Amino acid sequence: MRYINSIKSGFGVMISDVKRTASAIMVIVLAWCMSPLIAQDPVYSQFYNAHLQLNAAMAGNTRGPLIQMNYRNQWPGLGNIYTTYSVSYDQYISKLKSGLGFILLTDNAGDGVLRSTGLTGFYSYRVRVRDEIYIKGGIEAGFVNMSLDWNKLQFGDAIDPSVGPISPGGTPFPSQESIPGSTKKNYLNIGAGAVLYNPKYYVGLSLKNLNTPDISFLNGENGGSSAALALPVRITLHGGTQILLKKGNKNTEPTFISPNAIFLRQSGYNQLNLGAYLSVDKIQGGLWYRHSLYNGDALITSFGVKKDFLKITYSFDLTLSQLSIRQGGSHEIGVIFNFDYLYPKKQDYNDCFAIFR
């Protein structure tokens, strides 16, 4: 699942099948009432190509600049109702023993009904525990703008059960709902994380939305409670190992397999991803199973190619529930530029983070 929190707010989201002229249409209804809202906290299936979204402590996995561009289109069969774009930069600064980075992310829900755009900065610091064991701690701070396109909303009181939102005369049914005082929201978002690693394995903990920012457009209107509209903390536990199958050389990349696990919890929702990533010279691929702890959600497959400083990966989420009949799965594309390859000396890393480069 892409969205992992459920928040009580002044908006409720509902998808309805409305029959009209012997064909089914999908209508997204955003009702102006006190009911559950599926709020946005996007998580990429290609977590290895978007590590800043995974854990702030992962900032600075390369000594050269690392630029990641990601695109996710979830459920295109329903009309591009969920799309996410992001571009990020991060790099390790040896003199400071620190990693620096930022990410610019735009998330579009309801085909433009609700849009979030945020710029987040990251800082991590590395400490040697003993021998080849290290720990990195990281923090993040971001500024997020949310906007609501009121003109694209369709409300429950403006949908006729028989004919849908449009009358037989061709005009939309009116709604009694009124526009809020503001359709824009700005807030600060804080997070932190830590990762322990050596050349064979890593384990990490990430906490997002530590300041639980208010994301409601109500601002106390209609009896709304700002405490009930806070974005809940997202907890992520993740880890993996790297098994070297064949060493690389000047002309070829090493062959390795990297089993990984991710567990997320936010506002009562749980998500578990289990799978493995395989890299054979310039070819990469992966297979993961995503589960909500109550039912199976999706099977995730990925395929990518890597040449010098460029890596391109495509992944597809095959939904396993009955919803898969209509929604068309989920598609992701990751484009990575690793400028380690522009340095005179090839970088050798004493860790297990090859999956993230």
Protein backbone atom coordinates (compact mmCIF):
# COMPACT_ATOMS: atom_id res chain seq x y z
CA MET A 1 0.00 0.00 0.00
CA ARG A 2 1.18 3.47 -0.80
CA TYR A 3 -0.46 5.45 1.94
CA ILE A 4 0.22 4.26 5.43
CA ASN A 5 -1.69 6.51 7.77
CA SER A 6 -5.33 7.06 8.56
CA ILE A 7 -6.26 10.40 10.13
CA LYS A 8 -9.54 11.83 11.42
CA SER A 9 -10.07 15.16 9.69
CA GLY A 10 -12.54 17.43 8.01
CA PHE A 11 -12.23 15.51 4.73
CA GLY A 12 -13.33 11.98 3.92
CA VAL A 13 -12.29 10.07 0.83
CA MET A 14 -14.63 7.57 -0.79
CA ILE A 15 -14.52 5.79 -4.17
CA SER A 16 -17.95 4.95 -5.58
CA ASP A 17 -19.14 3.02 -8.62
CA VAL A 18 -21.90 5.01 -10.30
CA LYS A 19 -23.83 3.33 -13.13
CA ARG A 20 -24.89 5.59 -15.94
CA THR A 21 -25.88 4.67 -19.52
CA ALA A 22 -24.90 1.04 -18.93
CA SER A 23 -21.26 1.88 -18.06
CA ALA A 24 -19.43 2.19 -14.76
CA ILE A 25 -17.55 5.36 -13.82
CA MET A 26 -15.27 5.83 -10.85
CA VAL A 27 -16.04 8.91 -8.75
CA ILE A 28 -13.76 10.22 -6.01
CA VAL A 29 -15.89 11.82 -3.35
CA LEU A 30 -14.33 14.21 -0.86
CA ALA A 31 -17.07 14.83 1.71
CA TRP A 32 -16.94 17.92 3.95
CA CYS A 33 -17.72 16.10 7.19
CA MET A 34 -16.00 14.52 10.19
CA SER A 35 -14.96 11.18 8.70
CA PRO A 36 -11.68 9.30 8.06
CA LEU A 37 -9.16 10.67 5.59
CA ILE A 38 -6.46 8.61 3.96
CA ALA A 39 -3.65 11.15 4.24
CA GLN A 40 -0.54 11.17 2.15
CA ASP A 41 2.76 9.79 3.32
CA PRO A 42 4.23 8.27 0.16
CA VAL A 43 6.55 5.29 0.30
CA TYR A 44 8.38 4.11 -2.81
CA SER A 45 8.54 0.42 -3.68
CA GLN A 46 12.05 1.19 -4.97
CA PHE A 47 13.24 2.15 -1.49
CA TYR A 48 16.83 1.43 -2.54
CA ASN A 49 16.58 4.18 -5.18
CA ALA A 50 14.99 6.65 -2.74
CA HIS A 51 16.91 6.06 0.49
CA LEU A 52 16.31 9.57 1.88
CA GLN A 53 12.60 8.74 2.04
CA LEU A 54 13.50 5.59 3.95
CA ASN A 55 15.80 6.94 6.67
CA ALA A 56 17.53 10.28 7.29
CA ALA A 57 20.61 8.40 8.50
CA MET A 58 21.09 6.99 4.99
CA ALA A 59 22.15 10.41 3.70
CA GLY A 60 25.69 10.27 2.35
CA ASN A 61 26.21 6.72 1.08
CA THR A 62 28.58 7.92 -1.65
CA ARG A 63 31.65 10.15 -1.58
CA GLY A 64 30.67 11.63 -4.91
CA PRO A 65 27.33 13.36 -5.55
CA LEU A 66 24.37 10.99 -5.86
CA ILE A 67 21.27 12.27 -7.66
CA GLN A 68 18.05 10.24 -7.62
CA MET A 69 14.91 10.93 -9.65
CA ASN A 70 11.80 8.91 -8.90
CA TYR A 71 8.32 8.66 -10.39
CA ARG A 72 5.41 6.55 -9.09
CA ASN A 73 2.00 6.12 -10.71
CA GLN A 74 -0.35 4.13 -8.51
CA TRP A 75 -3.55 2.60 -9.85
CA PRO A 76 -3.52 4.23 -13.34
CA GLY A 77 -6.65 2.25 -14.22
CA LEU A 78 -8.60 4.60 -11.96
CA GLY A 79 -7.44 7.73 -13.80
CA ASN A 80 -3.99 8.67 -12.44
CA ILE A 81 -5.42 9.35 -8.99
CA TYR A 82 -2.07 8.89 -7.20
CA THR A 83 1.22 10.12 -8.65
CA THR A 84 4.46 11.01 -6.89
CA TYR A 85 7.58 12.72 -8.23
CA SER A 86 10.85 13.46 -6.47
CA VAL A 87 14.44 14.48 -7.09
CA SER A 88 17.16 14.25 -4.45
CA TYR A 89 20.84 14.87 -3.92
CA ASP A 90 23.13 13.58 -1.20
CA GLN A 91 26.85 13.07 -0.61
CA TYR A 92 29.28 12.05 2.13
CA ILE A 93 31.80 14.68 3.25
CA SER A 94 34.83 12.77 4.59
CA LYS A 95 36.39 15.71 6.45
CA LEU A 96 33.18 16.24 8.40
CA LYS A 97 32.32 12.53 8.76
CA SER A 98 28.89 13.70 7.68
CA GLY A 99 26.34 13.17 4.96
CA LEU A 100 24.35 16.04 3.46
CA GLY A 101 21.35 15.95 1.18
CA PHE A 102 17.94 17.27 0.19
CA ILE A 103 14.83 16.01 -1.56
CA LEU A 104 12.12 17.87 -3.47
CA LEU A 105 8.93 15.80 -3.56
CA THR A 106 5.51 16.41 -5.09
CA ASP A 107 2.60 14.12 -4.34
CA ASN A 108 -0.62 14.34 -6.32
CA ALA A 109 -3.82 12.70 -5.04
CA GLY A 110 -7.17 12.60 -6.78
CA ASP A 111 -5.71 13.69 -10.14
CA GLY A 112 -4.86 17.11 -8.74
CA VAL A 113 -7.52 17.46 -6.05
CA LEU A 114 -4.95 17.36 -3.25
CA ARG A 115 -1.32 18.23 -3.96
CA SER A 116 1.63 18.28 -1.55
CA THR A 117 5.04 19.72 -2.39
CA GLY A 118 7.90 19.66 0.10
CA LEU A 119 11.59 20.49 0.26
CA THR A 120 13.47 18.56 2.95
CA GLY A 121 17.10 18.81 4.06
CA PHE A 122 19.08 15.92 5.60
CA TYR A 123 22.16 15.64 7.78
CA SER A 124 23.86 12.47 9.02
CA TYR A 125 26.95 11.83 11.14
CA ARG A 126 29.01 8.63 11.24
CA VAL A 127 30.70 7.15 14.31
CA ARG A 128 32.93 4.09 14.39
CA VAL A 129 31.82 1.67 17.10
CA ARG A 130 34.65 -0.86 16.76
CA ASP A 131 36.55 -2.66 14.03
CA GLU A 132 34.31 -2.48 10.92
CA ILE A 133 31.09 -1.63 12.75
CA TYR A 134 29.69 1.88 12.30
CA ILE A 135 26.60 3.76 13.35
CA LYS A 136 25.08 6.74 11.55
CA GLY A 137 22.54 9.11 13.02
CA GLY A 138 20.53 11.48 10.90
CA ILE A 139 18.00 14.29 11.14
CA GLU A 140 15.69 15.88 8.58
CA ALA A 141 13.66 19.07 8.42
CA GLY A 142 11.27 19.97 5.65
CA PHE A 143 8.83 22.66 4.59
CA VAL A 144 5.64 21.31 2.99
CA ASN A 145 2.88 23.08 1.09
CA MET A 146 -0.52 21.39 0.66
CA SER A 147 -3.14 22.73 -1.73
CA LEU A 148 -6.73 21.71 -2.36
CA ASP A 149 -8.44 22.27 -5.73
CA TRP A 150 -12.01 22.81 -4.56
CA ASN A 151 -13.36 22.97 -8.12
CA LYS A 152 -12.44 19.31 -8.72
CA LEU A 153 -14.35 17.98 -5.72
CA GLN A 154 -17.57 15.98 -5.99
CA PHE A 155 -19.62 15.64 -2.80
CA GLY A 156 -22.00 12.93 -1.72
CA ASP A 157 -25.03 15.23 -1.67
CA ALA A 158 -24.37 16.12 -5.32
CA ILE A 159 -24.46 12.53 -6.61
CA ASP A 160 -27.77 10.97 -7.53
CA PRO A 161 -27.82 7.21 -6.81
CA SER A 162 -29.47 6.53 -10.18
CA VAL A 163 -27.84 8.87 -12.68
CA GLY A 164 -24.63 10.00 -10.94
CA PRO A 165 -23.29 13.57 -10.55
CA ILE A 166 -24.83 14.92 -13.79
CA SER A 167 -28.55 15.46 -14.24
CA PRO A 168 -30.41 14.15 -17.34
CA GLY A 169 -30.36 17.74 -18.60
CA GLY A 170 -26.56 17.75 -18.58
CA THR A 171 -25.93 20.02 -15.59
CA PRO A 172 -24.10 19.05 -12.37
CA PHE A 173 -26.20 18.57 -9.25
CA PRO A 174 -25.55 21.34 -6.68
CA SER A 175 -23.90 20.72 -3.32
CA GLN A 176 -24.59 22.35 0.03
CA GLU A 177 -20.92 22.22 1.02
CA SER A 178 -19.04 25.53 1.27
CA ILE A 179 -15.39 26.25 0.52
CA PRO A 180 -13.15 26.55 3.62
CA GLY A 181 -11.43 29.76 4.60
CA SER A 182 -8.18 28.59 2.98
CA THR A 183 -7.35 25.88 0.46
CA LYS A 184 -3.62 26.01 1.17
CA LYS A 185 -1.65 24.70 4.12
CA ASN A 186 2.03 25.13 5.04
CA TYR A 187 3.78 23.18 7.76
CA LEU A 188 7.20 22.13 9.08
CA ASN A 189 8.04 18.43 9.24
CA ILE A 190 10.81 16.95 11.41
CA GLY A 191 12.29 13.44 11.38
CA ALA A 192 15.27 11.45 12.60
CA GLY A 193 16.86 8.06 12.16
CA ALA A 194 19.81 5.78 12.87
CA VAL A 195 21.47 2.88 11.10
CA LEU A 196 24.03 0.34 12.37
CA TYR A 197 26.09 -1.42 9.74
CA ASN A 198 29.22 -3.34 8.77
CA PRO A 199 30.32 -4.94 5.47
CA LYS A 200 27.81 -7.78 5.85
CA TYR A 201 24.55 -6.37 7.26
CA TYR A 202 22.68 -3.23 8.30
CA VAL A 203 19.73 -2.44 10.59
CA GLY A 204 17.98 0.91 10.80
CA LEU A 205 15.26 2.83 12.61
CA SER A 206 13.51 5.85 11.14
CA LEU A 207 10.97 8.24 12.69
CA LYS A 208 9.05 10.59 10.40
CA ASN A 209 6.64 13.40 11.38
CA LEU A 210 8.10 13.70 14.88
CA ASN A 211 6.44 17.07 15.39
CA THR A 212 3.05 15.66 14.26
CA PRO A 213 2.18 18.73 12.14
CA ASP A 214 -1.42 19.87 11.68
CA ILE A 215 -2.50 19.10 8.11
CA SER A 216 -6.15 20.18 8.30
CA PHE A 217 -7.68 22.88 6.14
CA LEU A 218 -10.37 23.44 8.77
CA ASN A 219 -8.25 25.38 11.29
CA GLY A 220 -10.90 24.88 13.93
CA GLU A 221 -13.85 25.60 11.60
CA ASN A 222 -17.03 23.52 11.98
CA GLY A 223 -15.84 22.32 15.36
CA GLY A 224 -12.70 20.74 13.93
CA SER A 225 -10.01 19.74 16.41
CA SER A 226 -6.42 20.42 15.37
CA ALA A 227 -5.19 17.65 17.69
CA ALA A 228 -7.25 15.10 15.74
CA LEU A 229 -5.78 16.32 12.45
CA ALA A 230 -2.12 15.86 13.33
CA LEU A 231 0.00 13.81 10.93
CA PRO A 232 0.97 10.72 12.97
CA VAL A 233 4.55 9.63 13.54
CA ARG A 234 5.69 7.00 11.05
CA ILE A 235 8.00 4.34 12.46
CA THR A 236 10.17 2.31 10.10
CA LEU A 237 12.37 -0.65 10.99
CA HIS A 238 14.51 -1.93 8.15
CA GLY A 239 17.50 -4.15 7.59
CA GLY A 240 19.31 -6.32 5.14
CA THR A 241 22.44 -8.21 4.27
CA GLN A 242 24.75 -8.31 1.28
CA ILE A 243 26.04 -11.66 0.04
CA LEU A 244 28.92 -11.37 -2.42
CA LEU A 245 28.73 -14.04 -5.13
CA LYS A 246 31.50 -12.81 -7.42
CA LYS A 247 34.05 -10.04 -7.05
CA GLY A 248 34.19 -7.28 -9.61
CA ASN A 249 37.15 -5.72 -11.38
CA LYS A 250 37.95 -2.62 -13.42
CA ASN A 251 35.55 -3.67 -16.18
CA THR A 252 32.76 -5.46 -14.34
CA GLU A 253 30.64 -4.80 -11.28
CA PRO A 254 30.49 -7.38 -8.46
CA THR A 255 27.68 -9.92 -8.39
CA PHE A 256 25.74 -9.95 -5.14
CA ILE A 257 22.34 -10.68 -3.64
CA SER A 258 20.83 -8.47 -0.94
CA PRO A 259 17.85 -9.80 1.06
CA ASN A 260 15.94 -6.96 2.76
CA ALA A 261 13.03 -6.41 5.12
CA ILE A 262 11.06 -3.25 5.92
CA PHE A 263 8.39 -2.84 8.58
CA LEU A 264 6.34 0.36 8.80
CA ARG A 265 3.74 1.41 11.33
CA GLN A 266 1.67 4.56 11.34
CA SER A 267 -1.59 5.34 13.12
CA GLY A 268 -2.58 1.69 13.52
CA TYR A 269 -1.59 0.63 10.00
CA ASN A 270 1.21 -1.92 9.53
CA GLN A 271 3.17 -2.81 6.42
CA LEU A 272 5.81 -5.49 5.92
CA ASN A 273 8.01 -5.81 2.81
CA LEU A 274 10.14 -8.93 2.36
CA GLY A 275 12.32 -9.68 -0.63
CA ALA A 276 15.72 -9.63 -2.26
CA TYR A 277 17.73 -7.59 -4.76
CA LEU A 278 20.10 -9.29 -7.20
CA SER A 279 22.89 -7.50 -9.08
CA VAL A 280 24.86 -9.26 -11.83
CA ASP A 281 27.45 -6.90 -13.30
CA LYS A 282 25.35 -4.22 -15.04
CA ILE A 283 21.96 -5.91 -14.59
CA GLN A 284 19.80 -5.63 -11.46
CA GLY A 285 16.48 -7.11 -10.47
CA GLY A 286 14.37 -7.72 -7.40
CA LEU A 287 11.30 -9.43 -6.03
CA TRP A 288 9.39 -8.39 -2.89
CA TYR A 289 6.16 -9.35 -1.17
CA ARG A 290 4.20 -6.63 0.61
CA HIS A 291 1.84 -7.56 3.43
CA SER A 292 -0.33 -5.54 5.81
CA LEU A 293 -0.13 -8.21 8.54
CA TYR A 294 -3.83 -8.91 7.88
CA ASN A 295 -3.79 -9.69 4.17
CA GLY A 296 -1.39 -9.84 1.25
CA ASP A 297 -1.20 -6.56 -0.63
CA ALA A 298 1.15 -6.83 -3.60
CA LEU A 299 3.98 -8.61 -5.35
CA ILE A 300 6.71 -6.16 -6.40
CA THR A 301 9.04 -6.91 -9.32
CA SER A 302 11.86 -4.71 -10.56
CA PHE A 303 14.40 -4.69 -13.38
CA GLY A 304 17.26 -2.27 -13.95
CA VAL A 305 20.46 -1.63 -15.85
CA LYS A 306 23.57 0.16 -14.69
CA LYS A 307 26.29 1.71 -16.86
CA ASP A 308 29.11 3.73 -15.32
CA PHE A 309 27.40 6.58 -13.42
CA LEU A 310 23.84 5.88 -14.66
CA LYS A 311 21.28 3.39 -13.33
CA ILE A 312 17.69 3.07 -14.55
CA THR A 313 15.14 0.85 -12.82
CA TYR A 314 11.52 0.00 -13.55
CA SER A 315 9.26 -1.75 -11.05
CA PHE A 316 5.67 -2.94 -11.06
CA ASP A 317 3.41 -3.64 -8.08
CA LEU A 318 1.00 -6.45 -8.88
CA THR A 319 -1.93 -6.00 -6.51
CA LEU A 320 -3.10 -9.30 -5.04
CA SER A 321 -6.49 -8.14 -3.73
CA GLN A 322 -9.76 -7.97 -5.68
CA LEU A 323 -9.03 -4.32 -6.39
CA SER A 324 -6.45 -5.46 -8.96
CA ILE A 325 -9.22 -6.08 -11.49
CA ARG A 326 -9.65 -2.35 -12.09
CA GLN A 327 -6.77 -0.32 -10.74
CA GLY A 328 -3.95 -1.50 -13.04
CA GLY A 329 -1.23 -2.03 -10.45
CA SER A 330 1.47 0.53 -9.73
CA HIS A 331 4.44 1.63 -11.81
CA GLU A 332 7.72 3.18 -10.68
CA ILE A 333 10.74 4.50 -12.54
CA GLY A 334 14.01 5.38 -10.82
CA VAL A 335 16.88 7.20 -12.56
CA ILE A 336 20.12 7.40 -10.58
CA PHE A 337 23.29 9.39 -11.29
CA ASN A 338 26.25 8.26 -9.17
CA PHE A 339 29.16 10.60 -9.84
CA ASP A 340 31.68 8.41 -8.01
CA TYR A 341 32.59 7.23 -11.49
CA LEU A 342 33.81 10.70 -12.47
CA TYR A 343 36.53 10.61 -9.80
CA PRO A 344 40.06 9.52 -10.87
CA LYS A 345 40.13 6.69 -8.32
CA LYS A 346 37.30 4.21 -8.06
CA GLN A 347 35.63 4.33 -4.68
CA ASP A 348 35.79 1.22 -2.49
CA TYR A 349 33.29 1.10 0.35
CA ASN A 350 33.60 -0.97 3.51
CA ASP A 351 29.85 -1.41 3.97
CA CYS A 352 26.84 -3.30 2.59
CA PHE A 353 25.09 -0.39 0.88
CA ALA A 354 25.74 -1.35 -2.75
CA ILE A 355 21.96 -1.74 -3.20
CA PHE A 356 21.56 2.00 -2.49
CA ARG A 357 24.14 3.21 -5.02
